[in-house]
């Protein structure tokens, strides 16, 4: 049917355009694995992967210290590969959130997630989609992010004298099953001011899981596995990676350099308030530049603060880079990071403390406060976050990997109505569209490639 081959499908072309990111993401995943094997022998990497699976994974468990940088990077490649398979073949619509999910999974696979402890949670989310009789693609992303509670699975599965793999898997199924509706609700109450919404939802869930576990006889305790001495290695790897992303955005996306910089400047004018799908709004080239710049800025900020480059901090940088496609840019993250640094000057702790180093990076979950209300409020948000986050992990025994998301949610719920009512003299309200799934309702914005496509799009709108 030759005539049918020429039929123009504007909806399909939009999705195909974003689907082009998958080959690039697979290439980055393969590169991670290759670097891992360059740093260690296959035998040591295999032994290291076994140690990663057997560790309890509560915050902070640095896989670089547990098994070495080679095994840690190979685990990162494996987790990223699993995530890509799920996203690519679940039918999920690729967009800016896809890059967030991949960056998040890659980052936390360096300190808490592995292909074993995340599987029960993913299956639980899949079961939720089946029970709801909705496509798995609608919940694949939320299932991936729900693996923030993977340490709960690890602890129950391997804790001597208390848990076992069966109960660990069953609890993981329950976590994956209840997280999607919980996250949908918590999204509404934060007014888009906390980018790590699932972290807040998982924090609430952990506040229920850990007391139940303790009442049944468990004794989860906080552990600190923190590597040091890898600054040169990870500086080189991350520096080359970030510069490569900037170069790709400038020279290999088929967009003139002047247009890339124009798009990037427009991106810097946004507030970052969720949902802000930069890939849909500005295209891949400015997003790649934004990702590389944010990665370099985060790394330099951490090193200037006296921090270490290791599994958790590189994971934090990768998370910032992922959210560079969905809300973060240099203008709205720096004030919040400066707020944490200010806390290091006046508080009774140092910026070199492991938990504070993570706070310096993950505090950028509150970037929309800075972008929406101005940099002074961003500094205030970071200042408050620097103290609150140090205490929110204790009640849940480090079982929520997105602890900064939980703390950020508390700060957002406190600051947003306060700023609106006192400083802005406006009553905080939610719009009707805030009650809908932004990933379901959102449609890509793209410049029509031809007059014919423009007419077709106008017809669809009518």
Protein backbone atom coordinates (compact mmCIF):
# COMPACT_ATOMS: atom_id res chain seq x y z
CA UNK A 1 0.00 0.00 0.00
CA UNK A 2 2.39 2.73 -1.19
CA UNK A 3 -0.08 5.54 -0.57
CA UNK A 4 -0.40 4.64 3.10
CA UNK A 5 3.37 4.90 3.52
CA UNK A 6 3.14 8.59 2.72
CA UNK A 7 0.44 9.35 5.27
CA UNK A 8 1.71 11.94 7.75
CA UNK A 9 1.25 11.12 11.44
CA UNK A 10 2.19 14.17 13.50
CA UNK A 11 1.74 12.42 16.85
CA UNK A 12 4.02 9.56 15.87
CA UNK A 13 6.71 11.91 14.54
CA UNK A 14 6.85 13.70 17.86
CA UNK A 15 7.42 10.46 19.75
CA UNK A 16 9.97 9.22 17.21
CA UNK A 17 11.89 12.43 17.65
CA UNK A 18 12.35 11.83 21.37
CA UNK A 19 12.95 8.11 20.91
CA UNK A 20 16.26 9.03 19.29
CA UNK A 21 17.66 9.55 22.77
CA UNK A 22 17.73 5.81 23.48
CA UNK A 23 20.70 4.93 21.21
CA UNK A 24 22.67 7.73 22.86
CA UNK A 25 21.73 6.51 26.33
CA UNK A 26 22.74 2.97 25.41
CA UNK A 27 26.09 4.28 24.20
CA UNK A 28 26.64 6.06 27.53
CA UNK A 29 25.71 2.87 29.38
CA UNK A 30 28.20 0.84 27.36
CA UNK A 31 30.85 3.48 28.05
CA UNK A 32 30.24 3.18 31.80
CA UNK A 33 30.73 -0.57 31.63
CA UNK A 34 33.90 -0.25 29.55
CA UNK A 35 35.42 2.24 32.00
CA UNK A 36 34.60 -0.15 34.85
CA UNK A 37 36.42 -3.02 33.15
CA UNK A 38 39.39 -0.76 32.42
CA UNK A 39 39.73 -0.02 36.13
CA UNK A 40 39.69 -3.62 37.38
CA UNK A 41 39.90 -7.24 36.32
CA UNK A 42 36.79 -9.25 35.40
CA UNK A 43 37.33 -11.56 38.38
CA UNK A 44 37.53 -8.67 40.85
CA UNK A 45 34.50 -7.04 39.27
CA UNK A 46 32.46 -10.25 39.59
CA UNK A 47 33.48 -10.61 43.23
CA UNK A 48 32.67 -6.95 43.80
CA UNK A 49 29.21 -7.31 42.26
CA UNK A 50 28.46 -10.17 44.65
CA UNK A 51 29.52 -8.01 47.59
CA UNK A 52 27.27 -5.21 46.31
CA UNK A 53 24.26 -7.54 46.23
CA UNK A 54 24.99 -8.84 49.75
CA UNK A 55 25.44 -5.47 51.48
CA UNK A 56 22.44 -3.97 53.29
CA UNK A 57 22.58 -0.69 51.29
CA UNK A 58 21.23 1.74 53.92
CA UNK A 59 22.51 5.30 53.68
CA UNK A 60 25.37 5.78 53.23
CA UNK A 61 26.75 2.67 51.45
CA UNK A 62 29.39 3.69 48.95
CA UNK A 63 29.85 0.90 46.43
CA UNK A 64 33.24 2.35 45.51
CA UNK A 65 34.41 1.54 49.05
CA UNK A 66 32.54 -1.78 49.21
CA UNK A 67 33.79 -3.22 45.93
CA UNK A 68 36.09 -0.73 44.21
CA UNK A 69 35.44 1.74 41.38
CA UNK A 70 35.45 -0.93 38.66
CA UNK A 71 32.63 -3.01 40.14
CA UNK A 72 30.72 0.14 41.12
CA UNK A 73 30.73 1.43 37.54
CA UNK A 74 29.77 -1.97 36.12
CA UNK A 75 26.85 -2.10 38.57
CA UNK A 76 25.94 1.39 37.39
CA UNK A 77 25.95 0.16 33.80
CA UNK A 78 23.80 -2.87 34.69
CA UNK A 79 21.20 -0.83 36.57
CA UNK A 80 21.08 1.75 33.79
CA UNK A 81 20.67 -1.00 31.20
CA UNK A 82 17.76 -2.55 33.13
CA UNK A 83 16.16 0.90 33.38
CA UNK A 84 16.52 1.53 29.65
CA UNK A 85 15.00 -1.84 28.79
CA UNK A 86 12.00 -1.09 31.00
CA UNK A 87 11.53 2.42 29.63
CA UNK A 88 12.07 1.49 26.01
CA UNK A 89 9.87 -1.59 25.86
CA UNK A 90 7.13 -0.62 28.33
CA UNK A 91 5.59 1.83 25.91
CA UNK A 92 6.47 4.84 28.07
CA UNK A 93 6.47 8.07 26.06
CA UNK A 94 10.06 9.39 25.99
CA UNK A 95 10.45 12.97 27.20
CA UNK A 96 12.50 15.02 29.65
CA UNK A 97 11.42 12.84 32.57
CA UNK A 98 12.99 9.87 30.78
CA UNK A 99 16.40 11.52 31.16
CA UNK A 100 15.61 12.24 34.80
CA UNK A 101 14.81 8.61 35.48
CA UNK A 102 17.95 7.35 33.73
CA UNK A 103 20.18 9.87 35.53
CA UNK A 104 18.56 9.03 38.86
CA UNK A 105 18.99 5.29 38.42
CA UNK A 106 22.58 5.64 37.22
CA UNK A 107 23.48 7.92 40.12
CA UNK A 108 21.98 5.83 42.90
CA UNK A 109 23.38 2.61 41.46
CA UNK A 110 26.68 3.84 42.91
CA UNK A 111 25.32 3.78 46.45
CA UNK A 112 22.27 1.69 47.15
CA UNK A 113 20.64 0.21 44.06
CA UNK A 114 21.54 -2.99 42.26
CA UNK A 115 19.68 -5.22 39.78
CA UNK A 116 18.62 -7.60 42.58
CA UNK A 117 17.14 -5.31 45.23
CA UNK A 118 15.22 -3.18 42.74
CA UNK A 119 13.41 -6.03 40.94
CA UNK A 120 10.66 -6.76 43.51
CA UNK A 121 9.70 -3.07 43.59
CA UNK A 122 9.52 -2.91 39.80
CA UNK A 123 7.34 -6.01 39.71
CA UNK A 124 5.08 -4.43 42.32
CA UNK A 125 4.61 -1.33 40.17
CA UNK A 126 3.88 -3.58 37.17
CA UNK A 127 1.23 -5.41 39.19
CA UNK A 128 -0.34 -2.06 40.12
CA UNK A 129 -0.64 -1.19 36.43
CA UNK A 130 -2.26 -4.57 35.76
CA UNK A 131 -4.75 -4.16 38.61
CA UNK A 132 -5.64 -0.70 37.32
CA UNK A 133 -5.86 -2.12 33.78
CA UNK A 134 -3.65 0.65 32.52
CA UNK A 135 -0.54 0.48 30.32
CA UNK A 136 2.68 -0.48 32.10
CA UNK A 137 4.34 2.47 30.41
CA UNK A 138 2.25 4.85 32.51
CA UNK A 139 3.90 3.55 35.69
CA UNK A 140 7.33 2.34 34.53
CA UNK A 141 9.02 5.60 35.50
CA UNK A 142 7.42 5.78 38.92
CA UNK A 143 8.37 2.13 39.47
CA UNK A 144 12.00 2.92 38.74
CA UNK A 145 12.02 5.88 41.11
CA UNK A 146 10.26 3.84 43.82
CA UNK A 147 13.47 1.80 44.09
CA UNK A 148 14.54 4.54 46.49
CA UNK A 149 13.36 1.99 49.08
CA UNK A 150 15.55 -0.80 47.69
CA UNK A 151 17.54 -0.87 51.00
CA UNK A 152 14.38 -2.13 52.71
CA UNK A 153 14.40 -5.13 50.37
CA UNK A 154 18.12 -5.73 50.95
CA UNK A 155 17.82 -5.47 54.72
CA UNK A 156 14.89 -7.87 55.06
CA UNK A 157 16.37 -10.32 52.56
CA UNK A 158 19.85 -10.68 54.05
CA UNK A 159 19.68 -9.62 57.70
CA UNK A 160 20.91 -12.59 59.73
CA UNK A 161 18.39 -14.01 62.19
CA UNK A 162 15.45 -11.88 61.14
CA UNK A 163 14.67 -11.57 57.46
CA UNK A 164 14.86 -13.85 54.44
CA UNK A 165 14.69 -13.39 50.65
CA UNK A 166 11.02 -14.37 50.47
CA UNK A 167 9.88 -11.69 52.89
CA UNK A 168 12.25 -9.18 51.32
CA UNK A 169 10.73 -9.79 47.91
CA UNK A 170 7.18 -9.64 49.26
CA UNK A 171 7.79 -6.31 50.98
CA UNK A 172 9.37 -5.03 47.77
CA UNK A 173 6.23 -5.98 45.85
CA UNK A 174 4.11 -4.07 48.37
CA UNK A 175 6.34 -1.00 48.09
CA UNK A 176 6.13 -0.96 44.32
CA UNK A 177 2.37 -1.45 44.45
CA UNK A 178 1.52 1.43 46.81
CA UNK A 179 4.08 4.02 45.69
CA UNK A 180 2.32 5.17 42.45
CA UNK A 181 -0.91 6.36 44.14
CA UNK A 182 1.02 7.83 47.06
CA UNK A 183 3.35 9.79 44.77
CA UNK A 184 0.38 11.06 42.74
CA UNK A 185 -1.07 12.56 45.91
CA UNK A 186 2.14 14.04 47.33
CA UNK A 187 2.77 15.73 43.98
CA UNK A 188 -0.26 17.93 44.56
CA UNK A 189 0.65 19.24 47.99
CA UNK A 190 4.15 20.47 47.14
CA UNK A 191 3.08 22.92 44.43
CA UNK A 192 5.93 21.91 42.14
CA UNK A 193 8.54 23.30 44.55
CA UNK A 194 10.22 19.94 45.31
CA UNK A 195 11.57 18.18 42.22
CA UNK A 196 12.16 14.92 44.13
CA UNK A 197 8.48 14.24 44.71
CA UNK A 198 8.92 10.46 44.80
CA UNK A 199 11.60 10.93 47.46
CA UNK A 200 9.02 12.65 49.64
CA UNK A 201 6.48 9.86 49.00
CA UNK A 202 9.08 7.18 49.76
CA UNK A 203 10.04 9.01 52.95
CA UNK A 204 6.44 8.83 54.15
CA UNK A 205 6.31 5.14 53.25
CA UNK A 206 9.60 4.48 55.05
CA UNK A 207 8.16 6.18 58.15
CA UNK A 208 5.62 3.34 58.18
CA UNK A 209 7.86 0.44 57.10
CA UNK A 210 10.75 0.96 59.52
CA UNK A 211 8.63 1.20 62.73
CA UNK A 212 6.75 -1.93 61.63
CA UNK A 213 10.02 -3.76 61.04
CA UNK A 214 11.36 -2.66 64.42
CA UNK A 215 8.18 -3.76 66.18
CA UNK A 216 8.55 -7.19 64.58
CA UNK A 217 12.06 -7.59 65.96
CA UNK A 218 14.34 -5.94 63.43
CA UNK A 219 17.13 -3.63 64.50
CA UNK A 220 18.15 -1.55 61.49
CA UNK A 221 21.10 0.73 62.16
CA UNK A 222 22.78 3.46 60.18
CA UNK A 223 26.07 2.61 58.48
CA UNK A 224 28.59 4.87 56.80
CA UNK A 225 30.68 3.45 53.98
CA UNK A 226 32.41 6.49 52.49
CA UNK A 227 35.33 6.28 50.07
CA UNK A 228 38.01 8.93 49.63
CA UNK A 229 41.07 9.34 47.47
CA UNK A 230 39.30 9.04 44.11
CA UNK A 231 39.09 12.74 43.27
CA UNK A 232 41.47 12.61 40.31
CA UNK A 233 39.86 9.54 38.78
CA UNK A 234 36.28 10.78 38.96
CA UNK A 235 37.25 14.36 38.10
CA UNK A 236 38.74 13.11 34.85
CA UNK A 237 35.81 10.80 34.04
CA UNK A 238 33.10 13.32 34.89
CA UNK A 239 34.97 16.24 33.33
CA UNK A 240 35.32 14.47 30.00
CA UNK A 241 31.70 13.31 30.16
CA UNK A 242 30.33 16.80 30.86
CA UNK A 243 32.48 18.48 28.22
CA UNK A 244 31.41 15.81 25.75
CA UNK A 245 27.75 16.59 26.45
CA UNK A 246 28.33 20.31 25.88
CA UNK A 247 30.16 19.59 22.63
CA UNK A 248 27.37 17.26 21.50
CA UNK A 249 24.78 19.95 22.15
CA UNK A 250 26.74 22.58 20.28
CA UNK A 251 27.99 20.65 17.27
CA UNK A 252 26.17 17.33 16.80
CA UNK A 253 22.45 18.03 17.14
CA UNK A 254 21.99 19.64 13.75
CA UNK A 255 21.16 23.01 15.32
CA UNK A 256 23.18 26.18 14.63
CA UNK A 257 25.37 27.21 17.55
CA UNK A 258 23.66 30.59 17.83
CA UNK A 259 20.29 28.83 18.12
CA UNK A 260 21.64 26.48 20.79
CA UNK A 261 22.87 29.39 22.90
CA UNK A 262 19.63 31.27 22.34
CA UNK A 263 17.68 28.26 23.54
CA UNK A 264 19.98 27.84 26.53
CA UNK A 265 19.55 31.49 27.50
CA UNK A 266 15.78 31.06 27.36
CA UNK A 267 16.09 27.93 29.48
CA UNK A 268 17.95 29.94 32.13
CA UNK A 269 14.96 32.28 32.39
CA UNK A 270 12.60 29.51 33.53
CA UNK A 271 11.70 28.90 37.16
CA UNK A 272 12.13 25.13 37.00
CA UNK A 273 8.83 24.60 38.82
CA UNK A 274 7.53 21.10 38.17
CA UNK A 275 6.52 20.13 35.61
CA UNK A 276 9.17 21.78 33.43
CA UNK A 277 10.07 19.42 30.60
CA UNK A 278 13.05 21.21 29.06
CA UNK A 279 13.42 18.60 26.34
CA UNK A 280 9.91 19.38 25.12
CA UNK A 281 10.29 23.13 25.60
CA UNK A 282 13.74 23.75 24.11
CA UNK A 283 14.86 20.63 22.27
CA UNK A 284 17.86 18.33 22.82
CA UNK A 285 20.71 20.73 22.04
CA UNK A 286 20.13 23.30 24.83
CA UNK A 287 19.33 20.45 27.23
CA UNK A 288 22.66 18.76 26.51
CA UNK A 289 24.50 22.03 27.12
CA UNK A 290 22.53 22.57 30.32
CA UNK A 291 23.35 19.03 31.47
CA UNK A 292 27.06 19.41 30.90
CA UNK A 293 27.24 22.85 32.53
CA UNK A 294 25.30 21.69 35.59
CA UNK A 295 27.56 18.66 35.96
CA UNK A 296 30.72 20.77 35.84
CA UNK A 297 29.32 23.39 38.23
CA UNK A 298 28.27 20.73 40.73
CA UNK A 299 31.63 18.99 40.64
CA UNK A 300 33.60 22.22 41.06
CA UNK A 301 31.32 23.40 43.89
CA UNK A 302 31.79 20.13 45.75
CA UNK A 303 35.58 20.15 45.39
CA UNK A 304 35.83 23.80 46.48
CA UNK A 305 33.79 22.91 49.57
CA UNK A 306 36.36 20.26 50.48
CA UNK A 307 34.23 17.30 49.48
CA UNK A 308 35.15 13.92 48.03
CA UNK A 309 34.34 12.48 44.64
CA UNK A 310 33.13 8.93 45.26
CA UNK A 311 30.05 6.80 44.68
CA UNK A 312 27.47 8.93 46.56
CA UNK A 313 28.73 12.33 45.39
CA UNK A 314 29.15 11.25 41.76
CA UNK A 315 25.65 9.82 42.09
CA UNK A 316 24.47 13.23 43.27
CA UNK A 317 26.12 14.92 40.30
CA UNK A 318 24.51 12.43 37.89
CA UNK A 319 21.14 13.14 39.51
CA UNK A 320 21.58 16.88 38.97
CA UNK A 321 22.54 16.16 35.36
CA UNK A 322 19.42 14.05 34.88
CA UNK A 323 17.18 16.79 36.27
CA UNK A 324 18.83 19.25 33.90
CA UNK A 325 16.15 18.05 31.48
CA UNK A 326 13.39 18.71 33.98
CA UNK A 327 13.80 21.83 36.09
CA UNK A 328 17.41 22.48 37.07
CA UNK A 329 19.81 25.03 35.65
CA UNK A 330 22.74 26.98 36.99
CA UNK A 331 20.71 30.03 37.97
CA UNK A 332 18.27 28.19 40.21
CA UNK A 333 20.59 25.59 41.74
CA UNK A 334 23.49 27.82 42.84
CA UNK A 335 21.49 29.88 45.38
CA UNK A 336 20.23 26.71 47.08
CA UNK A 337 23.74 25.24 47.17
CA UNK A 338 25.00 28.54 48.57
CA UNK A 339 22.40 28.21 51.33
CA UNK A 340 23.88 24.87 52.38
CA UNK A 341 27.36 26.39 52.29
CA UNK A 342 26.13 29.23 54.50
CA UNK A 343 24.82 26.64 56.93
CA UNK A 344 28.32 25.18 57.08
CA UNK A 345 29.63 28.53 58.31
CA UNK A 346 27.17 29.10 61.16
CA UNK A 347 26.02 25.57 62.10
CA UNK A 348 27.78 23.05 64.30
CA UNK A 349 28.84 20.82 61.44
CA UNK A 350 31.28 21.02 58.54
CA UNK A 351 30.79 20.95 54.80
CA UNK A 352 33.25 18.06 54.67
CA UNK A 353 30.86 15.78 56.60
CA UNK A 354 29.53 13.03 54.28
CA UNK A 355 25.84 13.78 54.86
CA UNK A 356 26.43 17.50 54.28
CA UNK A 357 28.34 16.84 51.06
CA UNK A 358 25.29 15.00 49.78
CA UNK A 359 23.07 17.84 50.97
CA UNK A 360 25.19 20.28 48.92
CA UNK A 361 24.19 18.36 45.80
CA UNK A 362 20.71 17.01 46.47
CA UNK A 363 19.49 20.28 47.99
CA UNK A 364 18.92 21.31 44.37
CA UNK A 365 15.60 19.52 44.65
CA UNK A 366 14.45 22.96 45.92
CA UNK A 367 15.69 24.81 42.85
CA UNK A 368 12.13 25.85 41.86
CA UNK A 369 11.89 27.96 45.02
CA UNK A 370 14.91 29.94 43.86
CA UNK A 371 13.63 30.15 40.30
CA UNK A 372 10.10 31.14 41.28
CA UNK A 373 10.65 33.58 44.13
CA UNK A 374 14.26 34.76 43.61
CA UNK A 375 17.72 33.81 44.79
CA UNK A 376 17.33 35.06 48.43
CA UNK A 377 14.56 32.54 48.96
CA UNK A 378 16.72 29.89 47.33
CA UNK A 379 19.47 30.62 49.84
CA UNK A 380 16.91 30.40 52.65
CA UNK A 381 15.63 27.06 51.35
CA UNK A 382 19.15 25.63 51.16
CA UNK A 383 19.98 26.95 54.62
CA UNK A 384 16.93 25.26 56.16
CA UNK A 385 17.46 22.08 54.17
CA UNK A 386 21.06 21.75 55.36
CA UNK A 387 19.86 21.12 58.92
CA UNK A 388 16.55 19.34 58.34
CA UNK A 389 18.10 16.70 56.08
CA UNK A 390 20.58 15.67 58.77
CA UNK A 391 17.72 14.44 60.98
CA UNK A 392 15.18 13.00 58.55
CA UNK A 393 17.24 9.87 57.85
CA UNK A 394 17.48 8.74 61.48
CA UNK A 395 13.79 7.79 62.00
CA UNK A 396 13.90 5.60 58.89
CA UNK A 397 17.38 4.18 59.56
CA UNK A 398 18.68 5.33 56.18
CA UNK A 399 16.24 3.09 54.30
CA UNK A 400 15.07 5.89 51.97
CA UNK A 401 17.81 6.63 49.46
CA UNK A 402 16.01 9.83 48.44
CA UNK A 403 16.26 11.29 51.93
CA UNK A 404 16.95 14.75 50.51
CA UNK A 405 13.69 14.48 48.58
CA UNK A 406 11.84 13.78 51.82
CA UNK A 407 13.50 16.73 53.53
CA UNK A 408 12.94 18.90 50.45
CA UNK A 409 9.24 18.06 50.52
CA UNK A 410 8.96 19.20 54.13
CA UNK A 411 10.77 22.47 53.32
CA UNK A 412 8.61 23.06 50.23
CA UNK A 413 5.36 22.48 52.13
CA UNK A 414 6.55 24.92 54.80
CA UNK A 415 8.03 27.64 52.59
CA UNK A 416 5.57 27.86 49.70
CA UNK A 417 2.48 29.00 51.64
CA UNK A 418 4.62 31.16 53.93
CA UNK A 419 6.23 33.03 51.05
CA UNK A 420 2.96 33.37 49.17
CA UNK A 421 0.99 34.63 52.18
CA UNK A 422 3.59 36.89 53.81
CA UNK A 423 6.11 38.01 51.20
CA UNK A 424 3.90 37.89 48.12
CA UNK A 425 0.61 38.66 49.91
CA UNK A 426 -1.20 36.07 47.84
CA UNK A 427 -3.19 33.07 48.92
CA UNK A 428 -1.54 29.85 47.65
CA UNK A 429 -3.91 27.97 45.37
CA UNK A 430 -3.74 24.98 43.11
CA UNK A 431 -4.90 25.13 39.51
CA UNK A 432 -7.07 22.46 37.97
CA UNK A 433 -4.20 21.11 35.88
CA UNK A 434 -2.20 20.48 39.07
CA UNK A 435 -4.55 17.57 39.78
CA UNK A 436 -3.64 15.71 36.63
CA UNK A 437 -0.63 13.58 35.81
CA UNK A 438 1.63 16.03 34.01
CA UNK A 439 3.35 13.28 32.06
CA UNK A 440 0.03 11.97 30.78
CA UNK A 441 -1.40 15.37 29.83
CA UNK A 442 1.75 16.98 28.51
CA UNK A 443 2.36 17.00 24.77
CA UNK A 444 5.62 17.92 23.08
CA UNK A 445 5.97 21.44 21.76
CA UNK A 446 7.80 21.53 18.47
CA UNK A 447 8.11 23.98 15.62
CA UNK A 448 6.14 22.70 12.60
CA UNK A 449 8.53 21.45 9.96
CA UNK A 450 6.22 22.40 7.14
CA UNK A 451 3.06 24.28 6.34
CA UNK A 452 1.25 20.97 5.91
CA UNK A 453 2.16 19.87 9.46
CA UNK A 454 1.10 23.25 10.82
CA UNK A 455 -2.33 22.90 9.23
CA UNK A 456 -2.67 19.36 10.60
CA UNK A 457 -1.79 20.51 14.12
CA UNK A 458 -4.28 23.36 13.94
CA UNK A 459 -6.92 20.86 12.85
CA UNK A 460 -6.15 18.62 15.81
CA UNK A 461 -6.50 21.52 18.24
CA UNK A 462 -9.86 22.47 16.74
